């Protein structure tokens, strides 16, 4: 069996953050927050309440947690390379280059990143 040095807690937190981000993107991009055509007042209030509370309770926390774990992952990779006596400088810039290429591809072909 292969030696698996993954930190399960970090993987679980990353999954939780991704689930929160996915939930928010589904609400935004599938237009579930639009007012119904039939304009039932109590249903509109419930929709608005769900929208406001999801963004209050999930939005900032999910994105912040995912960003924190992204940085933590880079730190863990760096420390593992240093412990092996390897340099991480070129590998870091290669990864940043790949991220820039993916960002430019998304911006050019898929629209604004925001």
Protein backbone atom coordinates (compact mmCIF):
# COMPACT_ATOMS: atom_id res chain seq x y z
CA UNK A 1 0.00 0.00 0.00
CA UNK A 2 1.32 3.46 -0.90
CA UNK A 3 2.30 5.89 1.83
CA UNK A 4 -0.47 8.50 1.92
CA UNK A 5 0.59 11.64 3.80
CA UNK A 6 -2.60 13.62 3.11
CA UNK A 7 -4.08 15.60 5.97
CA UNK A 8 -7.71 14.50 6.13
CA UNK A 9 -8.89 17.59 8.02
CA UNK A 10 -7.58 19.89 5.29
CA UNK A 11 -9.30 17.78 2.62
CA UNK A 12 -12.56 17.89 4.58
CA UNK A 13 -12.37 21.67 5.03
CA UNK A 14 -11.57 22.10 1.34
CA UNK A 15 -14.61 20.01 0.44
CA UNK A 16 -16.79 22.09 2.76
CA UNK A 17 -15.51 25.31 1.21
CA UNK A 18 -16.07 24.00 -2.31
CA UNK A 19 -19.60 22.91 -1.40
CA UNK A 20 -20.37 26.42 -0.14
CA UNK A 21 -18.93 28.04 -3.25
CA UNK A 22 -20.85 25.61 -5.47
CA UNK A 23 -24.09 26.34 -3.63
CA UNK A 24 -23.66 30.09 -4.09
CA UNK A 25 -22.75 29.78 -7.76
CA UNK A 26 -25.79 27.62 -8.41
CA UNK A 27 -28.06 30.21 -6.84
CA UNK A 28 -26.44 33.04 -8.79
CA UNK A 29 -26.11 31.48 -12.20
CA UNK A 30 -29.32 29.49 -12.38
CA UNK A 31 -31.37 32.56 -11.44
CA UNK A 32 -33.19 30.91 -8.54
CA UNK A 33 -33.24 34.28 -6.83
CA UNK A 34 -35.42 35.98 -9.45
CA UNK A 35 -38.92 36.96 -8.39
CA UNK A 36 -41.58 34.55 -9.62
CA UNK A 37 -43.79 35.77 -12.45
CA UNK A 38 -46.94 35.26 -10.40
CA UNK A 39 -45.65 37.58 -7.62
CA UNK A 40 -46.90 35.81 -4.50
CA UNK A 41 -45.83 38.24 -1.74
CA UNK A 42 -44.96 35.68 0.93
CA UNK A 43 -42.96 33.57 -1.56
CA UNK A 44 -40.96 36.61 -2.68
CA UNK A 45 -40.13 37.39 0.97
CA UNK A 46 -38.98 33.81 1.56
CA UNK A 47 -36.84 33.86 -1.60
CA UNK A 48 -35.23 37.13 -0.52
CA UNK A 49 -34.66 35.80 3.00
CA UNK A 50 -32.95 32.63 1.66
CA UNK A 51 -30.83 34.72 -0.72
CA UNK A 52 -29.73 37.19 1.97
CA UNK A 53 -28.99 34.56 4.59
CA UNK A 54 -27.03 32.30 2.26
CA UNK A 55 -24.79 35.16 1.29
CA UNK A 56 -24.50 36.33 4.89
CA UNK A 57 -23.70 32.91 6.34
CA UNK A 58 -21.87 31.13 3.50
CA UNK A 59 -20.39 33.52 0.96
CA UNK A 60 -17.47 35.21 2.68
CA UNK A 61 -16.62 32.20 4.77
CA UNK A 62 -16.50 29.71 1.89
CA UNK A 63 -14.31 31.91 -0.32
CA UNK A 64 -12.03 32.90 2.57
CA UNK A 65 -11.63 29.30 3.72
CA UNK A 66 -10.88 28.09 0.20
CA UNK A 67 -8.29 30.85 -0.29
CA UNK A 68 -6.67 30.06 3.05
CA UNK A 69 -6.44 26.37 2.21
CA UNK A 70 -5.02 27.18 -1.22
CA UNK A 71 -2.18 29.08 0.43
CA UNK A 72 -1.73 26.38 3.05
CA UNK A 73 -1.40 23.76 0.33
CA UNK A 74 1.36 25.76 -1.32
CA UNK A 75 3.15 26.09 2.02
CA UNK A 76 2.92 22.31 2.62
CA UNK A 77 4.27 21.59 -0.86
CA UNK A 78 7.12 24.06 -0.26
CA UNK A 79 8.02 22.54 3.11
CA UNK A 80 7.99 19.01 1.69
CA UNK A 81 10.34 20.04 -1.13
CA UNK A 82 12.70 21.81 1.28
CA UNK A 83 12.72 18.75 3.57
CA UNK A 84 13.82 16.64 0.59
CA UNK A 85 16.58 19.14 -0.20
CA UNK A 86 15.01 20.27 -3.49
CA UNK A 87 14.47 23.84 -4.60
CA UNK A 88 10.91 25.02 -5.00
CA UNK A 89 11.55 28.33 -6.76
CA UNK A 90 11.12 27.16 -10.37
CA UNK A 91 8.24 24.83 -9.50
CA UNK A 92 6.40 27.72 -7.84
CA UNK A 93 6.72 29.95 -10.88
CA UNK A 94 5.67 27.07 -13.15
CA UNK A 95 2.48 26.63 -11.09
CA UNK A 96 1.82 30.36 -11.12
CA UNK A 97 2.30 30.39 -14.90
CA UNK A 98 -0.28 27.59 -15.29
CA UNK A 99 -2.74 29.53 -13.11
CA UNK A 100 -2.22 32.67 -15.21
CA UNK A 101 -2.77 30.73 -18.44
CA UNK A 102 -6.00 29.23 -17.04
CA UNK A 103 -7.16 32.68 -15.92
CA UNK A 104 -6.45 34.24 -19.32
CA UNK A 105 -8.20 31.35 -21.08
CA UNK A 106 -11.25 31.82 -18.88
CA UNK A 107 -11.25 35.58 -19.42
CA UNK A 108 -10.89 35.35 -23.21
CA UNK A 109 -13.25 32.47 -23.97
CA UNK A 110 -15.67 32.30 -21.05
CA UNK A 111 -16.07 35.93 -20.04
CA UNK A 112 -15.30 37.93 -16.94
CA UNK A 113 -13.92 35.95 -14.01
CA UNK A 114 -16.02 37.72 -11.40
